[in-house]
Structure formats: structure tokens, C-alpha cells
Amino acid sequence: MSQEIKNYLKYVETGEAVDELTRRIDMEVINVQNNKIFKREYMKQMADIMDYEHTIEIKDAEIEDYKAEVAVQAREIARLKQLLAESDNSVEE
């Protein structure tokens, strides 16, 4: 692995710019962070992500409720099958 790649990976991991390439990347990162339009768009995207995550939480809760209802219905079906089987046995006797 080249030294440039190692320096880049170190920059990604630590934020420490150690050569010309990572210093240039760092300057661009700073420019983007200071860009008000970017900040507004970033905040909008973060709000969208939070809304999406909230929707996922709601859907997950709905799925859990559905699973619980299915389990209740499955137990009721098993109970009714048992009653039917017992009824069939008593009729045969």
C-alpha cells in the first residue's frame, strides 16, 4: 500500500492531515463545513433521516403488534382444532 493511501486512511480515521493531499482534502472539508448552503441542505437531510428513522420505529412497532395478534389467533385456532378433534372423538364413540 502506498504512503499516500496510508496517509489518506489515517486522515479519514483521525482527521490529521500529514501530507499535501490530505491537507488539500482537509481544506476542502473546512470549506464545505463553512458553506451556508451546504449547512442548510445538510440540516434538511438530517431532518429527513430523523423522520425516516421515526417512521421505521413506528412500522417496527406495528409489525410487533401484528406478530402478537397473529400469535393470539394461532393459539385460538389451535384451541378450536383441539375442541373440534375432541368433538369428533366423542361423536365417534
PDB file of N, CA and C in Angstrom:
ATOM      1  N   MET A   1       0.852  -1.164   0.000  1.00  0.00           N
ATOM      2  CA  MET A   1       0.000   0.000   0.000  1.00  0.00           C
ATOM      3  C   MET A   1       0.905   1.238   0.000  1.00  0.00           C
ATOM      4  N   SER A   2       0.572   2.197  -0.865  1.00  0.00           N
ATOM      5  CA  SER A   2       1.412   3.387  -0.984  1.00  0.00           C
ATOM      6  C   SER A   2       1.292   4.272   0.257  1.00  0.00           C
ATOM      7  N   GLN A   3       2.291   5.106   0.442  1.00  0.00           N
ATOM      8  CA  GLN A   3       2.292   6.026   1.583  1.00  0.00           C
ATOM      9  C   GLN A   3       1.128   7.015   1.474  1.00  0.00           C
ATOM     10  N   GLU A   4       0.808   7.447   0.239  1.00  0.00           N
ATOM     11  CA  GLU A   4      -0.316   8.367   0.062  1.00  0.00           C
ATOM     12  C   GLU A   4      -1.617   7.743   0.540  1.00  0.00           C
ATOM     13  N   ILE A   5      -1.819   6.487   0.210  1.00  0.00           N
ATOM     14  CA  ILE A   5      -3.033   5.789   0.643  1.00  0.00           C
ATOM     15  C   ILE A   5      -3.035   5.667   2.166  1.00  0.00           C
ATOM     16  N   LYS A   6      -1.906   5.307   2.743  1.00  0.00           N
ATOM     17  CA  LYS A   6      -1.811   5.204   4.198  1.00  0.00           C
ATOM     18  C   LYS A   6      -2.123   6.548   4.849  1.00  0.00           C
ATOM     19  N   ASN A   7      -1.569   7.629   4.292  1.00  0.00           N
ATOM     20  CA  ASN A   7      -1.829   8.962   4.838  1.00  0.00           C
ATOM     21  C   ASN A   7      -3.308   9.330   4.720  1.00  0.00           C
ATOM     22  N   TYR A   8      -3.900   8.980   3.582  1.00  0.00           N
ATOM     23  CA  TYR A   8      -5.323   9.264   3.389  1.00  0.00           C
ATOM     24  C   TYR A   8      -6.169   8.492   4.400  1.00  0.00           C
ATOM     25  N   LEU A   9      -5.885   7.219   4.569  1.00  0.00           N
ATOM     26  CA  LEU A   9      -6.640   6.403   5.528  1.00  0.00           C
ATOM     27  C   LEU A   9      -6.465   6.928   6.947  1.00  0.00           C
ATOM     28  N   LYS A  10      -5.250   7.381   7.266  1.00  0.00           N
ATOM     29  CA  LYS A  10      -5.015   7.972   8.584  1.00  0.00           C
ATOM     30  C   LYS A  10      -5.831   9.251   8.728  1.00  0.00           C
ATOM     31  N   TYR A  11      -5.915  10.048   7.651  1.00  0.00           N
ATOM     32  CA  TYR A  11      -6.703  11.275   7.690  1.00  0.00           C
ATOM     33  C   TYR A  11      -8.180  10.952   7.923  1.00  0.00           C
ATOM     34  N   VAL A  12      -8.689   9.969   7.213  1.00  0.00           N
ATOM     35  CA  VAL A  12     -10.095   9.577   7.370  1.00  0.00           C
ATOM     36  C   VAL A  12     -10.359   9.133   8.798  1.00  0.00           C
ATOM     37  N   GLU A  13      -9.435   8.382   9.360  1.00  0.00           N
ATOM     38  CA  GLU A  13      -9.615   7.841  10.712  1.00  0.00           C
ATOM     39  C   GLU A  13      -9.448   8.907  11.793  1.00  0.00           C
ATOM     40  N   THR A  14      -8.449   9.766  11.635  1.00  0.00           N
ATOM     41  CA  THR A  14      -8.099  10.691  12.726  1.00  0.00           C
ATOM     42  C   THR A  14      -8.383  12.154  12.430  1.00  0.00           C
ATOM     43  N   GLY A  15      -8.530  12.502  11.139  1.00  0.00           N
ATOM     44  CA  GLY A  15      -8.691  13.901  10.775  1.00  0.00           C
ATOM     45  C   GLY A  15      -7.371  14.650  10.718  1.00  0.00           C
ATOM     46  N   GLU A  16      -6.268  13.930  10.880  1.00  0.00           N
ATOM     47  CA  GLU A  16      -4.946  14.551  10.874  1.00  0.00           C
ATOM     48  C   GLU A  16      -4.380  14.575   9.456  1.00  0.00           C
ATOM     49  N   ALA A  17      -4.167  15.794   8.940  1.00  0.00           N
ATOM     50  CA  ALA A  17      -3.594  15.959   7.602  1.00  0.00           C
ATOM     51  C   ALA A  17      -2.070  15.947   7.713  1.00  0.00           C
ATOM     52  N   VAL A  18      -1.426  14.989   7.038  1.00  0.00           N
ATOM     53  CA  VAL A  18       0.021  14.830   7.207  1.00  0.00           C
ATOM     54  C   VAL A  18       0.821  15.056   5.929  1.00  0.00           C
ATOM     55  N   ASP A  19       0.142  15.198   4.793  1.00  0.00           N
ATOM     56  CA  ASP A  19       0.863  15.464   3.550  1.00  0.00           C
ATOM     57  C   ASP A  19       0.052  16.440   2.705  1.00  0.00           C
ATOM     58  N   GLU A  20       0.583  16.780   1.535  1.00  0.00           N
ATOM     59  CA  GLU A  20      -0.073  17.781   0.682  1.00  0.00           C
ATOM     60  C   GLU A  20      -1.493  17.360   0.310  1.00  0.00           C
ATOM     61  N   LEU A  21      -1.685  16.096  -0.066  1.00  0.00           N
ATOM     62  CA  LEU A  21      -3.004  15.621  -0.458  1.00  0.00           C
ATOM     63  C   LEU A  21      -4.002  15.727   0.690  1.00  0.00           C
ATOM     64  N   THR A  22      -3.634  15.233   1.858  1.00  0.00           N
ATOM     65  CA  THR A  22      -4.582  15.274   2.976  1.00  0.00           C
ATOM     66  C   THR A  22      -4.802  16.702   3.460  1.00  0.00           C
ATOM     67  N   ARG A  23      -3.814  17.582   3.315  1.00  0.00           N
ATOM     68  CA  ARG A  23      -4.013  18.991   3.669  1.00  0.00           C
ATOM     69  C   ARG A  23      -5.015  19.637   2.705  1.00  0.00           C
ATOM     70  N   ARG A  24      -4.913  19.301   1.419  1.00  0.00           N
ATOM     71  CA  ARG A  24      -5.871  19.839   0.444  1.00  0.00           C
ATOM     72  C   ARG A  24      -7.272  19.306   0.711  1.00  0.00           C
ATOM     73  N   ILE A  25      -7.352  18.032   1.002  1.00  0.00           N
ATOM     74  CA  ILE A  25      -8.660  17.446   1.332  1.00  0.00           C
ATOM     75  C   ILE A  25      -9.223  18.120   2.571  1.00  0.00           C
ATOM     76  N   ASP A  26      -8.379  18.332   3.579  1.00  0.00           N
ATOM     77  CA  ASP A  26      -8.822  18.963   4.820  1.00  0.00           C
ATOM     78  C   ASP A  26      -9.335  20.379   4.559  1.00  0.00           C
ATOM     79  N   MET A  27      -8.659  21.124   3.705  1.00  0.00           N
ATOM     80  CA  MET A  27      -9.102  22.480   3.370  1.00  0.00           C
ATOM     81  C   MET A  27     -10.469  22.451   2.688  1.00  0.00           C
ATOM     82  N   GLU A  28     -10.683  21.485   1.814  1.00  0.00           N
ATOM     83  CA  GLU A  28     -11.983  21.357   1.154  1.00  0.00           C
ATOM     84  C   GLU A  28     -13.072  20.975   2.153  1.00  0.00           C
ATOM     85  N   VAL A  29     -12.736  20.111   3.071  1.00  0.00           N
ATOM     86  CA  VAL A  29     -13.699  19.733   4.110  1.00  0.00           C
ATOM     87  C   VAL A  29     -14.083  20.969   4.913  1.00  0.00           C
ATOM     88  N   ILE A  30     -13.110  21.771   5.282  1.00  0.00           N
ATOM     89  CA  ILE A  30     -13.376  23.001   6.040  1.00  0.00           C
ATOM     90  C   ILE A  30     -14.238  23.951   5.210  1.00  0.00           C
ATOM     91  N   ASN A  31     -13.932  24.091   3.921  1.00  0.00           N
ATOM     92  CA  ASN A  31     -14.733  24.954   3.050  1.00  0.00           C
ATOM     93  C   ASN A  31     -16.182  24.487   2.980  1.00  0.00           C
ATOM     94  N   VAL A  32     -16.367  23.190   2.847  1.00  0.00           N
ATOM     95  CA  VAL A  32     -17.726  22.651   2.783  1.00  0.00           C
ATOM     96  C   VAL A  32     -18.442  22.877   4.108  1.00  0.00           C
ATOM     97  N   GLN A  33     -17.766  22.656   5.212  1.00  0.00           N
ATOM     98  CA  GLN A  33     -18.390  22.851   6.519  1.00  0.00           C
ATOM     99  C   GLN A  33     -18.787  24.300   6.728  1.00  0.00           C
ATOM    100  N   ASN A  34     -18.046  25.215   6.146  1.00  0.00           N
ATOM    101  CA  ASN A  34     -18.345  26.634   6.299  1.00  0.00           C
ATOM    102  C   ASN A  34     -19.369  27.150   5.288  1.00  0.00           C
ATOM    103  N   ASN A  35     -19.718  26.359   4.341  1.00  0.00           N
ATOM    104  CA  ASN A  35     -20.644  26.767   3.297  1.00  0.00           C
ATOM    105  C   ASN A  35     -22.076  26.749   3.846  1.00  0.00           C
ATOM    106  N   LYS A  36     -22.718  27.919   3.890  1.00  0.00           N
ATOM    107  CA  LYS A  36     -24.055  28.022   4.477  1.00  0.00           C
ATOM    108  C   LYS A  36     -25.096  27.233   3.702  1.00  0.00           C
ATOM    109  N   ILE A  37     -24.984  27.225   2.387  1.00  0.00           N
ATOM    110  CA  ILE A  37     -25.937  26.456   1.587  1.00  0.00           C
ATOM    111  C   ILE A  37     -25.800  24.982   1.913  1.00  0.00           C
ATOM    112  N   PHE A  38     -24.569  24.529   1.997  1.00  0.00           N
ATOM    113  CA  PHE A  38     -24.343  23.129   2.348  1.00  0.00           C
ATOM    114  C   PHE A  38     -24.918  22.829   3.725  1.00  0.00           C
ATOM    115  N   LYS A  39     -24.699  23.743   4.682  1.00  0.00           N
ATOM    116  CA  LYS A  39     -25.209  23.528   6.033  1.00  0.00           C
ATOM    117  C   LYS A  39     -26.720  23.392   6.026  1.00  0.00           C
ATOM    118  N   ARG A  40     -27.399  24.272   5.266  1.00  0.00           N
ATOM    119  CA  ARG A  40     -28.862  24.188   5.200  1.00  0.00           C
ATOM    120  C   ARG A  40     -29.298  22.856   4.607  1.00  0.00           C
ATOM    121  N   GLU A  41     -28.664  22.465   3.522  1.00  0.00           N
ATOM    122  CA  GLU A  41     -29.012  21.200   2.883  1.00  0.00           C
ATOM    123  C   GLU A  41     -28.700  20.019   3.806  1.00  0.00           C
ATOM    124  N   TYR A  42     -27.582  20.102   4.492  1.00  0.00           N
ATOM    125  CA  TYR A  42     -27.201  19.057   5.435  1.00  0.00           C
ATOM    126  C   TYR A  42     -28.252  18.932   6.540  1.00  0.00           C
ATOM    127  N   MET A  43     -28.675  20.055   7.087  1.00  0.00           N
ATOM    128  CA  MET A  43     -29.669  20.028   8.160  1.00  0.00           C
ATOM    129  C   MET A  43     -30.995  19.463   7.654  1.00  0.00           C
ATOM    130  N   LYS A  44     -31.364  19.828   6.425  1.00  0.00           N
ATOM    131  CA  LYS A  44     -32.595  19.282   5.849  1.00  0.00           C
ATOM    132  C   LYS A  44     -32.485  17.768   5.699  1.00  0.00           C
ATOM    133  N   GLN A  45     -31.348  17.319   5.203  1.00  0.00           N
ATOM    134  CA  GLN A  45     -31.159  15.879   5.035  1.00  0.00           C
ATOM    135  C   GLN A  45     -31.162  15.160   6.381  1.00  0.00           C
ATOM    136  N   MET A  46     -30.569  15.774   7.389  1.00  0.00           N
ATOM    137  CA  MET A  46     -30.572  15.161   8.720  1.00  0.00           C
ATOM    138  C   MET A  46     -32.003  15.074   9.248  1.00  0.00           C
ATOM    139  N   ALA A  47     -32.797  16.124   9.024  1.00  0.00           N
ATOM    140  CA  ALA A  47     -34.203  16.089   9.451  1.00  0.00           C
ATOM    141  C   ALA A  47     -34.953  14.991   8.701  1.00  0.00           C
ATOM    142  N   ASP A  48     -34.683  14.865   7.410  1.00  0.00           N
ATOM    143  CA  ASP A  48     -35.317  13.799   6.625  1.00  0.00           C
ATOM    144  C   ASP A  48     -34.931  12.421   7.161  1.00  0.00           C
ATOM    145  N   ILE A  49     -33.667  12.259   7.503  1.00  0.00           N
ATOM    146  CA  ILE A  49     -33.198  10.985   8.050  1.00  0.00           C
ATOM    147  C   ILE A  49     -33.890  10.695   9.386  1.00  0.00           C
ATOM    148  N   MET A  50     -34.008  11.708  10.227  1.00  0.00           N
ATOM    149  CA  MET A  50     -34.674  11.512  11.517  1.00  0.00           C
ATOM    150  C   MET A  50     -36.142  11.145  11.313  1.00  0.00           C
ATOM    151  N   ASP A  51     -36.807  11.795  10.353  1.00  0.00           N
ATOM    152  CA  ASP A  51     -38.199  11.447  10.043  1.00  0.00           C
ATOM    153  C   ASP A  51     -38.298  10.006   9.563  1.00  0.00           C
ATOM    154  N   TYR A  52     -37.370   9.627   8.705  1.00  0.00           N
ATOM    155  CA  TYR A  52     -37.346   8.264   8.180  1.00  0.00           C
ATOM    156  C   TYR A  52     -37.140   7.260   9.318  1.00  0.00           C
ATOM    157  N   GLU A  53     -36.198   7.552  10.214  1.00  0.00           N
ATOM    158  CA  GLU A  53     -35.942   6.657  11.342  1.00  0.00           C
ATOM    159  C   GLU A  53     -37.167   6.552  12.243  1.00  0.00           C
ATOM    160  N   HIS A  54     -37.870   7.669  12.435  1.00  0.00           N
ATOM    161  CA  HIS A  54     -39.091   7.655  13.248  1.00  0.00           C
ATOM    162  C   HIS A  54     -40.155   6.782  12.573  1.00  0.00           C
ATOM    163  N   THR A  55     -40.274   6.918  11.256  1.00  0.00           N
ATOM    164  CA  THR A  55     -41.229   6.096  10.517  1.00  0.00           C
ATOM    165  C   THR A  55     -40.890   4.619  10.661  1.00  0.00           C
ATOM    166  N   ILE A  56     -39.612   4.297  10.604  1.00  0.00           N
ATOM    167  CA  ILE A  56     -39.186   2.905  10.771  1.00  0.00           C
ATOM    168  C   ILE A  56     -39.570   2.400  12.162  1.00  0.00           C
ATOM    169  N   GLU A  57     -39.360   3.224  13.194  1.00  0.00           N
ATOM    170  CA  GLU A  57     -39.727   2.824  14.553  1.00  0.00           C
ATOM    171  C   GLU A  57     -41.227   2.542  14.644  1.00  0.00           C
ATOM    172  N   ILE A  58     -42.032   3.399  14.036  1.00  0.00           N
ATOM    173  CA  ILE A  58     -43.484   3.198  14.047  1.00  0.00           C
ATOM    174  C   ILE A  58     -43.847   1.907  13.335  1.00  0.00           C
ATOM    175  N   LYS A  59     -43.252   1.695  12.162  1.00  0.00           N
ATOM    176  CA  LYS A  59     -43.544   0.473  11.400  1.00  0.00           C
ATOM    177  C   LYS A  59     -43.078  -0.769  12.155  1.00  0.00           C
ATOM    178  N   ASP A  60     -41.933  -0.693  12.815  1.00  0.00           N
ATOM    179  CA  ASP A  60     -41.459  -1.824  13.616  1.00  0.00           C
ATOM    180  C   ASP A  60     -42.444  -2.143  14.729  1.00  0.00           C
ATOM    181  N   ALA A  61     -42.978  -1.105  15.384  1.00  0.00           N
ATOM    182  CA  ALA A  61     -43.961  -1.318  16.450  1.00  0.00           C
ATOM    183  C   ALA A  61     -45.232  -1.946  15.885  1.00  0.00           C
ATOM    184  N   GLU A  62     -45.648  -1.476  14.704  1.00  0.00           N
ATOM    185  CA  GLU A  62     -46.831  -2.063  14.067  1.00  0.00           C
ATOM    186  C   GLU A  62     -46.599  -3.533  13.740  1.00  0.00           C
ATOM    187  N   ILE A  63     -45.410  -3.850  13.270  1.00  0.00           N
ATOM    188  CA  ILE A  63     -45.081  -5.247  12.952  1.00  0.00           C
ATOM    189  C   ILE A  63     -45.123  -6.102  14.214  1.00  0.00           C
ATOM    190  N   GLU A  64     -44.572  -5.591  15.310  1.00  0.00           N
ATOM    191  CA  GLU A  64     -44.596  -6.342  16.570  1.00  0.00           C
ATOM    192  C   GLU A  64     -46.035  -6.554  17.043  1.00  0.00           C
ATOM    193  N   ASP A  65     -46.876  -5.534  16.910  1.00  0.00           N
ATOM    194  CA  ASP A  65     -48.289  -5.679  17.279  1.00  0.00           C
ATOM    195  C   ASP A  65     -48.959  -6.736  16.408  1.00  0.00           C
ATOM    196  N   TYR A  66     -48.659  -6.703  15.119  1.00  0.00           N
ATOM    197  CA  TYR A  66     -49.224  -7.675  14.190  1.00  0.00           C
ATOM    198  C   TYR A  66     -48.776  -9.092  14.555  1.00  0.00           C
ATOM    199  N   LYS A  67     -47.490  -9.244  14.874  1.00  0.00           N
ATOM    200  CA  LYS A  67     -46.978 -10.562  15.266  1.00  0.00           C
ATOM    201  C   LYS A  67     -47.694 -11.069  16.515  1.00  0.00           C
ATOM    202  N   ALA A  68     -47.915 -10.182  17.466  1.00  0.00           N
ATOM    203  CA  ALA A  68     -48.607 -10.579  18.696  1.00  0.00           C
ATOM    204  C   ALA A  68     -50.038 -11.006  18.380  1.00  0.00           C
ATOM    205  N   GLU A  69     -50.708 -10.266  17.515  1.00  0.00           N
ATOM    206  CA  GLU A  69     -52.079 -10.617  17.138  1.00  0.00           C
ATOM    207  C   GLU A  69     -52.119 -11.954  16.402  1.00  0.00           C
ATOM    208  N   VAL A  70     -51.148 -12.183  15.526  1.00  0.00           N
ATOM    209  CA  VAL A  70     -51.080 -13.460  14.811  1.00  0.00           C
ATOM    210  C   VAL A  70     -50.861 -14.604  15.801  1.00  0.00           C
ATOM    211  N   ALA A  71     -50.031 -14.386  16.794  1.00  0.00           N
ATOM    212  CA  ALA A  71     -49.786 -15.421  17.797  1.00  0.00           C
ATOM    213  C   ALA A  71     -51.065 -15.732  18.569  1.00  0.00           C
ATOM    214  N   VAL A  72     -51.820 -14.701  18.927  1.00  0.00           N
ATOM    215  CA  VAL A  72     -53.099 -14.903  19.639  1.00  0.00           C
ATOM    216  C   VAL A  72     -54.048 -15.697  18.751  1.00  0.00           C
ATOM    217  N   GLN A  73     -54.127 -15.310  17.493  1.00  0.00           N
ATOM    218  CA  GLN A  73     -55.026 -16.019  16.573  1.00  0.00           C
ATOM    219  C   GLN A  73     -54.576 -17.456  16.362  1.00  0.00           C
ATOM    220  N   ALA A  74     -53.281 -17.694  16.290  1.00  0.00           N
ATOM    221  CA  ALA A  74     -52.770 -19.053  16.110  1.00  0.00           C
ATOM    222  C   ALA A  74     -53.130 -19.924  17.315  1.00  0.00           C
ATOM    223  N   ARG A  75     -53.003 -19.345  18.522  1.00  0.00           N
ATOM    224  CA  ARG A  75     -53.391 -20.109  19.716  1.00  0.00           C
ATOM    225  C   ARG A  75     -54.894 -20.407  19.708  1.00  0.00           C
ATOM    226  N   GLU A  76     -55.696 -19.444  19.264  1.00  0.00           N
ATOM    227  CA  GLU A  76     -57.146 -19.660  19.205  1.00  0.00           C
ATOM    228  C   GLU A  76     -57.492 -20.735  18.175  1.00  0.00           C
ATOM    229  N   ILE A  77     -56.816 -20.714  17.045  1.00  0.00           N
ATOM    230  CA  ILE A  77     -57.044 -21.750  16.027  1.00  0.00           C
ATOM    231  C   ILE A  77     -56.665 -23.121  16.578  1.00  0.00           C
ATOM    232  N   ALA A  78     -55.545 -23.203  17.268  1.00  0.00           N
ATOM    233  CA  ALA A  78     -55.120 -24.485  17.859  1.00  0.00           C
ATOM    234  C   ALA A  78     -56.147 -24.955  18.883  1.00  0.00           C
ATOM    235  N   ARG A  79     -56.656 -24.014  19.688  1.00  0.00           N
ATOM    236  CA  ARG A  79     -57.667 -24.375  20.696  1.00  0.00           C
ATOM    237  C   ARG A  79     -58.936 -24.886  20.025  1.00  0.00           C
ATOM    238  N   LEU A  80     -59.365 -24.208  18.970  1.00  0.00           N
ATOM    239  CA  LEU A  80     -60.578 -24.627  18.267  1.00  0.00           C
ATOM    240  C   LEU A  80     -60.375 -25.971  17.567  1.00  0.00           C
ATOM    241  N   LYS A  81     -59.184 -26.195  17.021  1.00  0.00           N
ATOM    242  CA  LYS A  81     -58.901 -27.502  16.406  1.00  0.00           C
ATOM    243  C   LYS A  81     -58.970 -28.610  17.443  1.00  0.00           C
ATOM    244  N   GLN A  82     -58.429 -28.307  18.627  1.00  0.00           N
ATOM    245  CA  GLN A  82     -58.469 -29.301  19.701  1.00  0.00           C
ATOM    246  C   GLN A  82     -59.911 -29.601  20.099  1.00  0.00           C
ATOM    247  N   LEU A  83     -60.710 -28.564  20.227  1.00  0.00           N
ATOM    248  CA  LEU A  83     -62.128 -28.770  20.563  1.00  0.00           C
ATOM    249  C   LEU A  83     -62.842 -29.563  19.481  1.00  0.00           C
ATOM    250  N   LEU A  84     -62.539 -29.253  18.232  1.00  0.00           N
ATOM    251  CA  LEU A  84     -63.153 -29.970  17.121  1.00  0.00           C
ATOM    252  C   LEU A  84     -62.736 -31.435  17.132  1.00  0.00           C
ATOM    253  N   ALA A  85     -61.466 -31.681  17.388  1.00  0.00           N
ATOM    254  CA  ALA A  85     -60.978 -33.060  17.435  1.00  0.00           C
ATOM    255  C   ALA A  85     -61.643 -33.805  18.581  1.00  0.00           C
ATOM    256  N   GLU A  86     -61.762 -33.164  19.734  1.00  0.00           N
ATOM    257  CA  GLU A  86     -62.430 -33.803  20.881  1.00  0.00           C
ATOM    258  C   GLU A  86     -63.907 -34.065  20.569  1.00  0.00           C
ATOM    259  N   SER A  87     -64.527 -33.140  19.873  1.00  0.00           N
ATOM    260  CA  SER A  87     -65.927 -33.293  19.489  1.00  0.00           C
ATOM    261  C   SER A  87     -66.107 -34.437  18.512  1.00  0.00           C
ATOM    262  N   ASP A  88     -65.196 -34.533  17.542  1.00  0.00           N
ATOM    263  CA  ASP A  88     -65.229 -35.628  16.578  1.00  0.00           C
ATOM    264  C   ASP A  88     -65.048 -36.959  17.285  1.00  0.00           C
ATOM    265  N   ASN A  89     -64.146 -37.015  18.249  1.00  0.00           N
ATOM    266  CA  ASN A  89     -63.906 -38.258  19.014  1.00  0.00           C
ATOM    267  C   ASN A  89     -65.136 -38.665  19.797  1.00  0.00           C
ATOM    268  N   SER A  90     -65.817 -37.691  20.410  1.00  0.00           N
ATOM    269  CA  SER A  90     -66.998 -38.046  21.207  1.00  0.00           C
ATOM    270  C   SER A  90     -68.153 -38.460  20.336  1.00  0.00           C
ATOM    271  N   VAL A  91     -68.259 -37.937  19.131  1.00  0.00           N
ATOM    272  CA  VAL A  91     -69.315 -38.328  18.208  1.00  0.00           C
ATOM    273  C   VAL A  91     -69.069 -39.736  17.722  1.00  0.00           C
ATOM    274  N   GLU A  92     -67.825 -40.100  17.484  1.00  0.00           N
ATOM    275  CA  GLU A  92     -67.489 -41.430  17.005  1.00  0.00           C
ATOM    276  C   GLU A  92     -67.742 -42.481  18.072  1.00  0.00           C
ATOM    277  N   GLU A  93     -67.672 -42.083  19.320  1.00  0.00           N
ATOM    278  CA  GLU A  93     -67.840 -43.053  20.392  1.00  0.00           C
ATOM    279  C   GLU A  93     -69.260 -43.316  20.568  1.00  0.00           C
TER     280      GLU A  93
END
